Amino acid sequence: VQLQASGGGLVQAGGSLRLSCAASIHIWRFDKMGWYRQSPGKQRELVGELVADIVSGRKTNYTNSVKGRFTISNAEHTMYLQMNSLKPEDTAVYYCLGNVSGNSYWGQGTQVTVSS
């Protein structure tokens, strides 16, 4: 299984970016997928996740600091992270993670820099 993250860049505060995480298998084969970020000197933190749900099929969860601003969606082989109303504190390297059959797979990071 391979994951490849892309879409990072430099944006002004209040702007938007959309990150993509391209997977080598169909998204529905993952038990869970997530977006994480890591700023210099800080631990990697969960931004949001896409998890299997017995009722709806898939549901999303977000950390409080991005609720209402970030949205996870997916296509057949890609998970997206739409980031709106970006703030300087969102600056970080963003990673995608996929869990399948008890194994975890990380994509390479993509840098997001938000200028004030």
PDB file of N, CA and C in Angstrom:
ATOM      1  N   VAL A   1       0.842  -1.188   0.000  1.00  0.00           N
ATOM      2  CA  VAL A   1       0.000   0.000   0.000  1.00  0.00           C
ATOM      3  C   VAL A   1       0.876   1.237   0.000  1.00  0.00           C
ATOM      4  N   GLN A   2       0.541   2.168  -0.880  1.00  0.00           N
ATOM      5  CA  GLN A   2       1.286   3.419  -0.949  1.00  0.00           C
ATOM      6  C   GLN A   2       0.331   4.597  -0.869  1.00  0.00           C
ATOM      7  N   LEU A   3       0.771   5.623  -0.163  1.00  0.00           N
ATOM      8  CA  LEU A   3       0.030   6.866  -0.064  1.00  0.00           C
ATOM      9  C   LEU A   3       0.941   7.999  -0.484  1.00  0.00           C
ATOM     10  N   GLN A   4       0.407   8.943  -1.236  1.00  0.00           N
ATOM     11  CA  GLN A   4       1.199  10.080  -1.686  1.00  0.00           C
ATOM     12  C   GLN A   4       0.412  11.356  -1.461  1.00  0.00           C
ATOM     13  N   ALA A   5       0.927  12.196  -0.582  1.00  0.00           N
ATOM     14  CA  ALA A   5       0.276  13.461  -0.263  1.00  0.00           C
ATOM     15  C   ALA A   5       0.822  14.574  -1.148  1.00  0.00           C
ATOM     16  N   SER A   6      -0.037  15.495  -1.495  1.00  0.00           N
ATOM     17  CA  SER A   6       0.362  16.632  -2.315  1.00  0.00           C
ATOM     18  C   SER A   6      -0.600  17.786  -2.078  1.00  0.00           C
ATOM     19  N   GLY A   7      -0.248  18.952  -2.628  1.00  0.00           N
ATOM     20  CA  GLY A   7      -1.151  20.091  -2.571  1.00  0.00           C
ATOM     21  C   GLY A   7      -0.746  21.190  -1.616  1.00  0.00           C
ATOM     22  N   GLY A   8       0.322  21.001  -0.878  1.00  0.00           N
ATOM     23  CA  GLY A   8       0.757  22.029   0.048  1.00  0.00           C
ATOM     24  C   GLY A   8       1.300  23.242  -0.689  1.00  0.00           C
ATOM     25  N   GLY A   9       1.540  24.286   0.079  1.00  0.00           N
ATOM     26  CA  GLY A   9       2.075  25.490  -0.518  1.00  0.00           C
ATOM     27  C   GLY A   9       2.060  26.650   0.447  1.00  0.00           C
ATOM     28  N   LEU A  10       2.290  27.827  -0.082  1.00  0.00           N
ATOM     29  CA  LEU A  10       2.301  29.065   0.700  1.00  0.00           C
ATOM     30  C   LEU A  10       1.013  29.824   0.414  1.00  0.00           C
ATOM     31  N   VAL A  11       0.329  30.215   1.472  1.00  0.00           N
ATOM     32  CA  VAL A  11      -0.930  30.935   1.322  1.00  0.00           C
ATOM     33  C   VAL A  11      -1.036  31.989   2.412  1.00  0.00           C
ATOM     34  N   GLN A  12      -1.733  33.054   2.115  1.00  0.00           N
ATOM     35  CA  GLN A  12      -1.944  34.094   3.118  1.00  0.00           C
ATOM     36  C   GLN A  12      -3.037  33.679   4.097  1.00  0.00           C
ATOM     37  N   ALA A  13      -2.980  34.228   5.273  1.00  0.00           N
ATOM     38  CA  ALA A  13      -4.015  33.965   6.269  1.00  0.00           C
ATOM     39  C   ALA A  13      -5.389  34.297   5.694  1.00  0.00           C
ATOM     40  N   GLY A  14      -6.338  33.416   5.959  1.00  0.00           N
ATOM     41  CA  GLY A  14      -7.678  33.565   5.409  1.00  0.00           C
ATOM     42  C   GLY A  14      -7.876  32.838   4.099  1.00  0.00           C
ATOM     43  N   GLY A  15      -6.798  32.364   3.520  1.00  0.00           N
ATOM     44  CA  GLY A  15      -6.867  31.673   2.241  1.00  0.00           C
ATOM     45  C   GLY A  15      -7.226  30.210   2.390  1.00  0.00           C
ATOM     46  N   SER A  16      -7.184  29.513   1.270  1.00  0.00           N
ATOM     47  CA  SER A  16      -7.578  28.106   1.223  1.00  0.00           C
ATOM     48  C   SER A  16      -6.549  27.280   0.463  1.00  0.00           C
ATOM     49  N   LEU A  17      -6.491  26.022   0.831  1.00  0.00           N
ATOM     50  CA  LEU A  17      -5.697  25.026   0.114  1.00  0.00           C
ATOM     51  C   LEU A  17      -6.457  23.716   0.149  1.00  0.00           C
ATOM     52  N   ARG A  18      -6.226  22.865  -0.844  1.00  0.00           N
ATOM     53  CA  ARG A  18      -6.774  21.512  -0.810  1.00  0.00           C
ATOM     54  C   ARG A  18      -5.625  20.517  -0.947  1.00  0.00           C
ATOM     55  N   LEU A  19      -5.480  19.690   0.053  1.00  0.00           N
ATOM     56  CA  LEU A  19      -4.480  18.638   0.029  1.00  0.00           C
ATOM     57  C   LEU A  19      -5.106  17.361  -0.523  1.00  0.00           C
ATOM     58  N   SER A  20      -4.284  16.575  -1.190  1.00  0.00           N
ATOM     59  CA  SER A  20      -4.721  15.290  -1.729  1.00  0.00           C
ATOM     60  C   SER A  20      -3.829  14.185  -1.186  1.00  0.00           C
ATOM     61  N   CYS A  21      -4.409  13.030  -0.954  1.00  0.00           N
ATOM     62  CA  CYS A  21      -3.664  11.838  -0.548  1.00  0.00           C
ATOM     63  C   CYS A  21      -4.081  10.727  -1.499  1.00  0.00           C
ATOM     64  N   ALA A  22      -3.220  10.442  -2.467  1.00  0.00           N
ATOM     65  CA  ALA A  22      -3.518   9.427  -3.466  1.00  0.00           C
ATOM     66  C   ALA A  22      -3.096   8.058  -2.943  1.00  0.00           C
ATOM     67  N   ALA A  23      -4.012   7.103  -3.021  1.00  0.00           N
ATOM     68  CA  ALA A  23      -3.754   5.757  -2.501  1.00  0.00           C
ATOM     69  C   ALA A  23      -3.618   4.747  -3.640  1.00  0.00           C
ATOM     70  N   SER A  24      -2.832   3.726  -3.382  1.00  0.00           N
ATOM     71  CA  SER A  24      -2.627   2.684  -4.399  1.00  0.00           C
ATOM     72  C   SER A  24      -3.746   1.649  -4.383  1.00  0.00           C
ATOM     73  N   ILE A  25      -4.645   1.755  -3.387  1.00  0.00           N
ATOM     74  CA  ILE A  25      -5.805   0.874  -3.333  1.00  0.00           C
ATOM     75  C   ILE A  25      -7.055   1.732  -3.167  1.00  0.00           C
ATOM     76  N   HIS A  26      -8.227   1.142  -3.333  1.00  0.00           N
ATOM     77  CA  HIS A  26      -9.479   1.886  -3.182  1.00  0.00           C
ATOM     78  C   HIS A  26      -9.628   2.369  -1.743  1.00  0.00           C
ATOM     79  N   ILE A  27     -10.085   3.573  -1.597  1.00  0.00           N
ATOM     80  CA  ILE A  27     -10.235   4.189  -0.281  1.00  0.00           C
ATOM     81  C   ILE A  27     -11.090   3.340   0.661  1.00  0.00           C
ATOM     82  N   TRP A  28     -12.112   2.701   0.146  1.00  0.00           N
ATOM     83  CA  TRP A  28     -13.026   1.935   0.982  1.00  0.00           C
ATOM     84  C   TRP A  28     -12.367   0.706   1.596  1.00  0.00           C
ATOM     85  N   ARG A  29     -11.176   0.341   1.121  1.00  0.00           N
ATOM     86  CA  ARG A  29     -10.463  -0.796   1.710  1.00  0.00           C
ATOM     87  C   ARG A  29      -9.774  -0.419   3.022  1.00  0.00           C
ATOM     88  N   PHE A  30      -9.612   0.869   3.260  1.00  0.00           N
ATOM     89  CA  PHE A  30      -9.000   1.305   4.511  1.00  0.00           C
ATOM     90  C   PHE A  30     -10.029   1.268   5.636  1.00  0.00           C
ATOM     91  N   ASP A  31      -9.613   0.792   6.793  1.00  0.00           N
ATOM     92  CA  ASP A  31     -10.475   0.850   7.975  1.00  0.00           C
ATOM     93  C   ASP A  31     -10.598   2.284   8.465  1.00  0.00           C
ATOM     94  N   LYS A  32      -9.535   2.999   8.340  1.00  0.00           N
ATOM     95  CA  LYS A  32      -9.489   4.383   8.769  1.00  0.00           C
ATOM     96  C   LYS A  32      -8.395   5.112   8.007  1.00  0.00           C
ATOM     97  N   MET A  33      -8.653   6.361   7.710  1.00  0.00           N
ATOM     98  CA  MET A  33      -7.634   7.230   7.123  1.00  0.00           C
ATOM     99  C   MET A  33      -7.636   8.544   7.890  1.00  0.00           C
ATOM    100  N   GLY A  34      -6.487   9.186   7.894  1.00  0.00           N
ATOM    101  CA  GLY A  34      -6.421  10.425   8.642  1.00  0.00           C
ATOM    102  C   GLY A  34      -5.414  11.394   8.070  1.00  0.00           C
ATOM    103  N   TRP A  35      -5.602  12.640   8.420  1.00  0.00           N
ATOM    104  CA  TRP A  35      -4.636  13.705   8.136  1.00  0.00           C
ATOM    105  C   TRP A  35      -4.007  14.117   9.468  1.00  0.00           C
ATOM    106  N   TYR A  36      -2.701  14.199   9.469  1.00  0.00           N
ATOM    107  CA  TYR A  36      -1.933  14.626  10.631  1.00  0.00           C
ATOM    108  C   TYR A  36      -1.065  15.807  10.210  1.00  0.00           C
ATOM    109  N   ARG A  37      -0.596  16.544  11.201  1.00  0.00           N
ATOM    110  CA  ARG A  37       0.341  17.620  10.907  1.00  0.00           C
ATOM    111  C   ARG A  37       1.378  17.717  12.012  1.00  0.00           C
ATOM    112  N   GLN A  38       2.516  18.255  11.630  1.00  0.00           N
ATOM    113  CA  GLN A  38       3.598  18.427  12.586  1.00  0.00           C
ATOM    114  C   GLN A  38       4.300  19.738  12.328  1.00  0.00           C
ATOM    115  N   SER A  39       4.344  20.557  13.375  1.00  0.00           N
ATOM    116  CA  SER A  39       5.062  21.826  13.318  1.00  0.00           C
ATOM    117  C   SER A  39       6.417  21.631  13.965  1.00  0.00           C
ATOM    118  N   PRO A  40       7.384  22.490  13.625  1.00  0.00           N
ATOM    119  CA  PRO A  40       8.718  22.368  14.227  1.00  0.00           C
ATOM    120  C   PRO A  40       8.660  22.393  15.754  1.00  0.00           C
ATOM    121  N   GLY A  41       9.298  21.439  16.372  1.00  0.00           N
ATOM    122  CA  GLY A  41       9.343  21.396  17.822  1.00  0.00           C
ATOM    123  C   GLY A  41       8.114  20.831  18.487  1.00  0.00           C
ATOM    124  N   LYS A  42       7.138  20.420  17.680  1.00  0.00           N
ATOM    125  CA  LYS A  42       5.894  19.884  18.240  1.00  0.00           C
ATOM    126  C   LYS A  42       5.691  18.438  17.793  1.00  0.00           C
ATOM    127  N   GLN A  43       4.852  17.734  18.560  1.00  0.00           N
ATOM    128  CA  GLN A  43       4.521  16.371  18.187  1.00  0.00           C
ATOM    129  C   GLN A  43       3.531  16.370  17.031  1.00  0.00           C
ATOM    130  N   ARG A  44       3.551  15.292  16.286  1.00  0.00           N
ATOM    131  CA  ARG A  44       2.584  15.124  15.215  1.00  0.00           C
ATOM    132  C   ARG A  44       1.184  14.991  15.831  1.00  0.00           C
ATOM    133  N   GLU A  45       0.230  15.722  15.275  1.00  0.00           N
ATOM    134  CA  GLU A  45      -1.118  15.702  15.830  1.00  0.00           C
ATOM    135  C   GLU A  45      -2.144  15.346  14.770  1.00  0.00           C
ATOM    136  N   LEU A  46      -3.214  14.735  15.218  1.00  0.00           N
ATOM    137  CA  LEU A  46      -4.306  14.385  14.317  1.00  0.00           C
ATOM    138  C   LEU A  46      -5.091  15.641  13.960  1.00  0.00           C
ATOM    139  N   VAL A  47      -5.337  15.825  12.678  1.00  0.00           N
ATOM    140  CA  VAL A  47      -6.150  16.947  12.201  1.00  0.00           C
ATOM    141  C   VAL A  47      -7.585  16.485  11.991  1.00  0.00           C
ATOM    142  N   GLY A  48      -7.739  15.388  11.305  1.00  0.00           N
ATOM    143  CA  GLY A  48      -9.064  14.843  11.043  1.00  0.00           C
ATOM    144  C   GLY A  48      -8.929  13.441  10.501  1.00  0.00           C
ATOM    145  N   GLU A  49     -10.015  12.695  10.568  1.00  0.00           N
ATOM    146  CA  GLU A  49      -9.971  11.316  10.124  1.00  0.00           C
ATOM    147  C   GLU A  49     -11.254  10.913   9.437  1.00  0.00           C
ATOM    148  N   LEU A  50     -11.115   9.908   8.604  1.00  0.00           N
ATOM    149  CA  LEU A  50     -12.232   9.327   7.853  1.00  0.00           C
ATOM    150  C   LEU A  50     -12.311   7.871   8.297  1.00  0.00           C
ATOM    151  N   VAL A  51     -13.406   7.521   8.980  1.00  0.00           N
ATOM    152  CA  VAL A  51     -13.482   6.192   9.574  1.00  0.00           C
ATOM    153  C   VAL A  51     -14.708   5.446   9.061  1.00  0.00           C
ATOM    154  N   ALA A  52     -14.605   4.127   9.077  1.00  0.00           N
ATOM    155  CA  ALA A  52     -15.734   3.302   8.674  1.00  0.00           C
ATOM    156  C   ALA A  52     -16.855   3.447   9.699  1.00  0.00           C
ATOM    157  N   ASP A  53     -18.065   3.524   9.200  1.00  0.00           N
ATOM    158  CA  ASP A  53     -19.234   3.643  10.075  1.00  0.00           C
ATOM    159  C   ASP A  53     -20.304   2.693   9.578  1.00  0.00           C
ATOM    160  N   ILE A  54     -20.855   1.902  10.495  1.00  0.00           N
ATOM    161  CA  ILE A  54     -21.788   0.857  10.099  1.00  0.00           C
ATOM    162  C   ILE A  54     -23.085   1.427   9.534  1.00  0.00           C
ATOM    163  N   VAL A  55     -23.431   2.636   9.916  1.00  0.00           N
ATOM    164  CA  VAL A  55     -24.690   3.240   9.456  1.00  0.00           C
ATOM    165  C   VAL A  55     -24.479   4.010   8.160  1.00  0.00           C
ATOM    166  N   SER A  56     -23.515   4.909   8.159  1.00  0.00           N
ATOM    167  CA  SER A  56     -23.344   5.812   7.026  1.00  0.00           C
ATOM    168  C   SER A  56     -22.281   5.368   6.046  1.00  0.00           C
ATOM    169  N   GLY A  57     -21.525   4.368   6.420  1.00  0.00           N
ATOM    170  CA  GLY A  57     -20.444   3.925   5.558  1.00  0.00           C
ATOM    171  C   GLY A  57     -19.128   4.554   5.948  1.00  0.00           C
ATOM    172  N   ARG A  58     -19.124   5.861   6.005  1.00  0.00           N
ATOM    173  CA  ARG A  58     -17.924   6.588   6.395  1.00  0.00           C
ATOM    174  C   ARG A  58     -18.367   7.820   7.181  1.00  0.00           C
ATOM    175  N   LYS A  59     -17.607   8.207   8.167  1.00  0.00           N
ATOM    176  CA  LYS A  59     -17.850   9.458   8.875  1.00  0.00           C
ATOM    177  C   LYS A  59     -16.520  10.135   9.137  1.00  0.00           C
ATOM    178  N   THR A  60     -16.598  11.433   9.377  1.00  0.00           N
ATOM    179  CA  THR A  60     -15.393  12.221   9.613  1.00  0.00           C
ATOM    180  C   THR A  60     -15.382  12.790  11.023  1.00  0.00           C
ATOM    181  N   ASN A  61     -14.209  12.901  11.565  1.00  0.00           N
ATOM    182  CA  ASN A  61     -13.989  13.531  12.859  1.00  0.00           C
ATOM    183  C   ASN A  61     -12.853  14.528  12.702  1.00  0.00           C
ATOM    184  N   TYR A  62     -12.925  15.622  13.466  1.00  0.00           N
ATOM    185  CA  TYR A  62     -11.910  16.667  13.361  1.00  0.00           C
ATOM    186  C   TYR A  62     -11.454  17.104  14.744  1.00  0.00           C
ATOM    187  N   THR A  63     -10.210  17.520  14.821  1.00  0.00           N
ATOM    188  CA  THR A  63      -9.756  18.137  16.049  1.00  0.00           C
ATOM    189  C   THR A  63     -10.425  19.498  16.185  1.00  0.00           C
ATOM    190  N   ASN A  64     -10.608  19.947  17.416  1.00  0.00           N
ATOM    191  CA  ASN A  64     -11.394  21.157  17.659  1.00  0.00           C
ATOM    192  C   ASN A  64     -10.859  22.386  16.931  1.00  0.00           C
ATOM    193  N   SER A  65      -9.557  22.482  16.812  1.00  0.00           N
ATOM    194  CA  SER A  65      -8.971  23.696  16.251  1.00  0.00           C
ATOM    195  C   SER A  65      -9.267  23.887  14.765  1.00  0.00           C
ATOM    196  N   VAL A  66      -9.727  22.835  14.082  1.00  0.00           N
ATOM    197  CA  VAL A  66      -9.996  22.961  12.644  1.00  0.00           C
ATOM    198  C   VAL A  66     -11.474  22.761  12.312  1.00  0.00           C
ATOM    199  N   LYS A  67     -12.289  22.436  13.294  1.00  0.00           N
ATOM    200  CA  LYS A  67     -13.718  22.222  13.034  1.00  0.00           C
ATOM    201  C   LYS A  67     -14.343  23.462  12.421  1.00  0.00           C
ATOM    202  N   GLY A  68     -15.114  23.244  11.376  1.00  0.00           N
ATOM    203  CA  GLY A  68     -15.764  24.344  10.677  1.00  0.00           C
ATOM    204  C   GLY A  68     -14.897  24.989   9.614  1.00  0.00           C
ATOM    205  N   ARG A  69     -13.617  24.658   9.587  1.00  0.00           N
ATOM    206  CA  ARG A  69     -12.693  25.225   8.594  1.00  0.00           C
ATOM    207  C   ARG A  69     -12.149  24.172   7.641  1.00  0.00           C
ATOM    208  N   PHE A  70     -11.911  22.981   8.137  1.00  0.00           N
ATOM    209  CA  PHE A  70     -11.337  21.907   7.336  1.00  0.00           C
ATOM    210  C   PHE A  70     -12.404  20.846   7.065  1.00  0.00           C
ATOM    211  N   THR A  71     -12.329  20.254   5.866  1.00  0.00           N
ATOM    212  CA  THR A  71     -13.280  19.216   5.495  1.00  0.00           C
ATOM    213  C   THR A  71     -12.554  18.089   4.772  1.00  0.00           C
ATOM    214  N   ILE A  72     -12.812  16.872   5.219  1.00  0.00           N
ATOM    215  CA  ILE A  72     -12.255  15.690   4.557  1.00  0.00           C
ATOM    216  C   ILE A  72     -13.311  15.113   3.621  1.00  0.00           C
ATOM    217  N   SER A  73     -12.881  14.779   2.428  1.00  0.00           N
ATOM    218  CA  SER A  73     -13.744  14.090   1.478  1.00  0.00           C
ATOM    219  C   SER A  73     -12.898  13.061   0.738  1.00  0.00           C
ATOM    220  N   ASN A  74     -13.557  12.285  -0.109  1.00  0.00           N
ATOM    221  CA  ASN A  74     -12.773  11.288  -0.833  1.00  0.00           C
ATOM    222  C   ASN A  74     -13.378  10.955  -2.189  1.00  0.00           C
ATOM    223  N   ALA A  75     -12.512  10.486  -3.065  1.00  0.00           N
ATOM    224  CA  ALA A  75     -12.900   9.865  -4.319  1.00  0.00           C
ATOM    225  C   ALA A  75     -12.454   8.409  -4.215  1.00  0.00           C
ATOM    226  N   GLU A  76     -12.494   7.676  -5.305  1.00  0.00           N
ATOM    227  CA  GLU A  76     -12.205   6.249  -5.227  1.00  0.00           C
ATOM    228  C   GLU A  76     -10.812   5.944  -4.689  1.00  0.00           C
ATOM    229  N   HIS A  77      -9.831   6.695  -5.105  1.00  0.00           N
ATOM    230  CA  HIS A  77      -8.459   6.405  -4.708  1.00  0.00           C
ATOM    231  C   HIS A  77      -7.775   7.595  -4.051  1.00  0.00           C
ATOM    232  N   THR A  78      -8.518   8.603  -3.671  1.00  0.00           N
ATOM    233  CA  THR A  78      -7.909   9.803  -3.122  1.00  0.00           C
ATOM    234  C   THR A  78      -8.713  10.322  -1.942  1.00  0.00           C
ATOM    235  N   MET A  79      -8.007  10.707  -0.902  1.00  0.00           N
ATOM    236  CA  MET A  79      -8.615  11.427   0.216  1.00  0.00           C
ATOM    237  C   MET A  79      -8.170  12.877   0.133  1.00  0.00           C
ATOM    238  N   TYR A  80      -9.098  13.775   0.381  1.00  0.00           N
ATOM    239  CA  TYR A  80      -8.807  15.192   0.289  1.00  0.00           C
ATOM    240  C   TYR A  80      -8.945  15.860   1.658  1.00  0.00           C
ATOM    241  N   LEU A  81      -8.231  16.962   1.802  1.00  0.00           N
ATOM    242  CA  LEU A  81      -8.406  17.825   2.965  1.00  0.00           C
ATOM    243  C   LEU A  81      -8.566  19.245   2.447  1.00  0.00           C
ATOM    244  N   GLN A  82      -9.790  19.741   2.460  1.00  0.00           N
ATOM    245  CA  GLN A  82     -10.061  21.119   2.074  1.00  0.00           C
ATOM    246  C   GLN A  82      -9.854  21.995   3.292  1.00  0.00           C
ATOM    247  N   MET A  83      -8.962  22.935   3.179  1.00  0.00           N
ATOM    248  CA  MET A  83      -8.629  23.811   4.297  1.00  0.00           C
ATOM    249  C   MET A  83      -9.013  25.244   3.941  1.00  0.00           C
ATOM    250  N   ASN A  84      -9.952  25.789   4.674  1.00  0.00           N
ATOM    251  CA  ASN A  84     -10.411  27.160   4.468  1.00  0.00           C
ATOM    252  C   ASN A  84     -10.082  28.012   5.680  1.00  0.00           C
ATOM    253  N   SER A  85     -10.129  29.302   5.495  1.00  0.00           N
ATOM    254  CA  SER A  85      -9.873  30.251   6.603  1.00  0.00           C
ATOM    255  C   SER A  85      -8.581  29.896   7.319  1.00  0.00           C
ATOM    256  N   LEU A  86      -7.551  29.680   6.559  1.00  0.00           N
ATOM    257  CA  LEU A  86      -6.283  29.241   7.141  1.00  0.00           C
ATOM    258  C   LEU A  86      -5.687  30.307   8.041  1.00  0.00           C
ATOM    259  N   LYS A  87      -5.025  29.835   9.084  1.00  0.00           N
ATOM    260  CA  LYS A  87      -4.387  30.701  10.073  1.00  0.00           C
ATOM    261  C   LYS A  87      -2.892  30.393  10.112  1.00  0.00           C
ATOM    262  N   PRO A  88      -2.088  31.342  10.552  1.00  0.00           N
ATOM    263  CA  PRO A  88      -0.644  31.069  10.670  1.00  0.00           C
ATOM    264  C   PRO A  88      -0.349  29.832  11.507  1.00  0.00           C
ATOM    265  N   GLU A  89      -1.167  29.567  12.511  1.00  0.00           N
ATOM    266  CA  GLU A  89      -0.923  28.396  13.354  1.00  0.00           C
ATOM    267  C   GLU A  89      -1.235  27.082  12.661  1.00  0.00           C
ATOM    268  N   ASP A  90      -1.787  27.127  11.455  1.00  0.00           N
ATOM    269  CA  ASP A  90      -1.990  25.911  10.672  1.00  0.00           C
ATOM    270  C   ASP A  90      -0.719  25.517   9.916  1.00  0.00           C
ATOM    271  N   THR A  91       0.293  26.369   9.983  1.00  0.00           N
ATOM    272  CA  THR A  91       1.551  26.063   9.311  1.00  0.00           C
ATOM    273  C   THR A  91       2.158  24.798   9.873  1.00  0.00           C
ATOM    274  N   ALA A  92       2.454  23.847   9.003  1.00  0.00           N
ATOM    275  CA  ALA A  92       2.980  22.551   9.425  1.00  0.00           C
ATOM    276  C   ALA A  92       3.247  21.701   8.191  1.00  0.00           C
ATOM    277  N   VAL A  93       3.900  20.591   8.424  1.00  0.00           N
ATOM    278  CA  VAL A  93       3.967  19.541   7.407  1.00  0.00           C
ATOM    279  C   VAL A  93       2.780  18.629   7.636  1.00  0.00           C
ATOM    280  N   TYR A  94       2.010  18.405   6.599  1.00  0.00           N
ATOM    281  CA  TYR A  94       0.803  17.592   6.687  1.00  0.00           C
ATOM    282  C   TYR A  94       1.075  16.210   6.097  1.00  0.00           C
ATOM    283  N   TYR A  95       0.607  15.194   6.824  1.00  0.00           N
ATOM    284  CA  TYR A  95       0.793  13.803   6.423  1.00  0.00           C
ATOM    285  C   TYR A  95      -0.563  13.105   6.355  1.00  0.00           C
ATOM    286  N   CYS A  96      -0.674  12.126   5.470  1.00  0.00           N
ATOM    287  CA  CYS A  96      -1.856  11.279   5.488  1.00  0.00           C
ATOM    288  C   CYS A  96      -1.458   9.890   5.967  1.00  0.00           C
ATOM    289  N   LEU A  97      -2.411   9.248   6.608  1.00  0.00           N
ATOM    290  CA  LEU A  97      -2.218   7.931   7.183  1.00  0.00           C
ATOM    291  C   LEU A  97      -3.389   7.052   6.791  1.00  0.00           C
ATOM    292  N   GLY A  98      -3.095   5.794   6.462  1.00  0.00           N
ATOM    293  CA  GLY A  98      -4.147   4.835   6.185  1.00  0.00           C
ATOM    294  C   GLY A  98      -3.913   3.555   6.961  1.00  0.00           C
ATOM    295  N   ASN A  99      -4.978   3.030   7.563  1.00  0.00           N
ATOM    296  CA  ASN A  99      -4.918   1.782   8.306  1.00  0.00           C
ATOM    297  C   ASN A  99      -5.728   0.719   7.565  1.00  0.00           C
ATOM    298  N   VAL A 100      -5.104  -0.395   7.308  1.00  0.00           N
ATOM    299  CA  VAL A 100      -5.802  -1.492   6.637  1.00  0.00           C
ATOM    300  C   VAL A 100      -5.231  -2.812   7.115  1.00  0.00           C
ATOM    301  N   SER A 101      -6.104  -3.715   7.487  1.00  0.00           N
ATOM    302  CA  SER A 101      -5.712  -5.050   7.943  1.00  0.00           C
ATOM    303  C   SER A 101      -4.685  -5.000   9.062  1.00  0.00           C
ATOM    304  N   GLY A 102      -4.853  -4.058   9.957  1.00  0.00           N
ATOM    305  CA  GLY A 102      -3.981  -3.960  11.114  1.00  0.00           C
ATOM    306  C   GLY A 102      -2.653  -3.273  10.856  1.00  0.00           C
ATOM    307  N   ASN A 103      -2.440  -2.837   9.656  1.00  0.00           N
ATOM    308  CA  ASN A 103      -1.190  -2.144   9.326  1.00  0.00           C
ATOM    309  C   ASN A 103      -1.449  -0.671   9.060  1.00  0.00           C
ATOM    310  N   SER A 104      -0.446   0.145   9.360  1.00  0.00           N
ATOM    311  CA  SER A 104      -0.532   1.588   9.149  1.00  0.00           C
ATOM    312  C   SER A 104       0.451   2.007   8.071  1.00  0.00           C
ATOM    313  N   TYR A 105      -0.013   2.893   7.208  1.00  0.00           N
ATOM    314  CA  TYR A 105       0.811   3.384   6.107  1.00  0.00           C
ATOM    315  C   TYR A 105       0.773   4.905   6.096  1.00  0.00           C
ATOM    316  N   TRP A 106       1.967   5.498   6.009  1.00  0.00           N
ATOM    317  CA  TRP A 106       2.077   6.954   5.978  1.00  0.00           C
ATOM    318  C   TRP A 106       2.455   7.414   4.582  1.00  0.00           C
ATOM    319  N   GLY A 107       1.868   8.533   4.185  1.00  0.00           N
ATOM    320  CA  GLY A 107       2.339   9.207   2.997  1.00  0.00           C
ATOM    321  C   GLY A 107       3.457  10.162   3.376  1.00  0.00           C
ATOM    322  N   GLN A 108       4.190  10.636   2.384  1.00  0.00           N
ATOM    323  CA  GLN A 108       5.211  11.621   2.687  1.00  0.00           C
ATOM    324  C   GLN A 108       4.514  12.938   3.008  1.00  0.00           C
ATOM    325  N   GLY A 109       5.178  13.804   3.684  1.00  0.00           N
ATOM    326  CA  GLY A 109       4.559  15.052   4.098  1.00  0.00           C
ATOM    327  C   GLY A 109       4.499  16.077   2.980  1.00  0.00           C
ATOM    328  N   THR A 110       3.568  17.009   3.151  1.00  0.00           N
ATOM    329  CA  THR A 110       3.478  18.150   2.243  1.00  0.00           C
ATOM    330  C   THR A 110       3.410  19.419   3.094  1.00  0.00           C
ATOM    331  N   GLN A 111       4.255  20.375   2.780  1.00  0.00           N
ATOM    332  CA  GLN A 111       4.395  21.573   3.613  1.00  0.00           C
ATOM    333  C   GLN A 111       3.278  22.566   3.327  1.00  0.00           C
ATOM    334  N   VAL A 112       2.654  23.025   4.395  1.00  0.00           N
ATOM    335  CA  VAL A 112       1.673  24.103   4.316  1.00  0.00           C
ATOM    336  C   VAL A 112       2.206  25.270   5.130  1.00  0.00           C
ATOM    337  N   THR A 113       2.326  26.419   4.515  1.00  0.00           N
ATOM    338  CA  THR A 113       2.814  27.609   5.194  1.00  0.00           C
ATOM    339  C   THR A 113       1.788  28.714   5.027  1.00  0.00           C
ATOM    340  N   VAL A 114       1.326  29.237   6.158  1.00  0.00           N
ATOM    341  CA  VAL A 114       0.322  30.299   6.147  1.00  0.00           C
ATOM    342  C   VAL A 114       0.977  31.566   6.670  1.00  0.00           C
ATOM    343  N   SER A 115       1.031  32.575   5.834  1.00  0.00           N
ATOM    344  CA  SER A 115       1.657  33.841   6.221  1.00  0.00           C
ATOM    345  C   SER A 115       0.614  34.783   6.814  1.00  0.00           C
ATOM    346  N   SER A 116       1.069  35.582   7.761  1.00  0.00           N
ATOM    347  CA  SER A 116       0.134  36.514   8.429  1.00  0.00           C
ATOM    348  C   SER A 116       0.067  37.845   7.687  1.00  0.00           C
TER     349      SER A 116
END
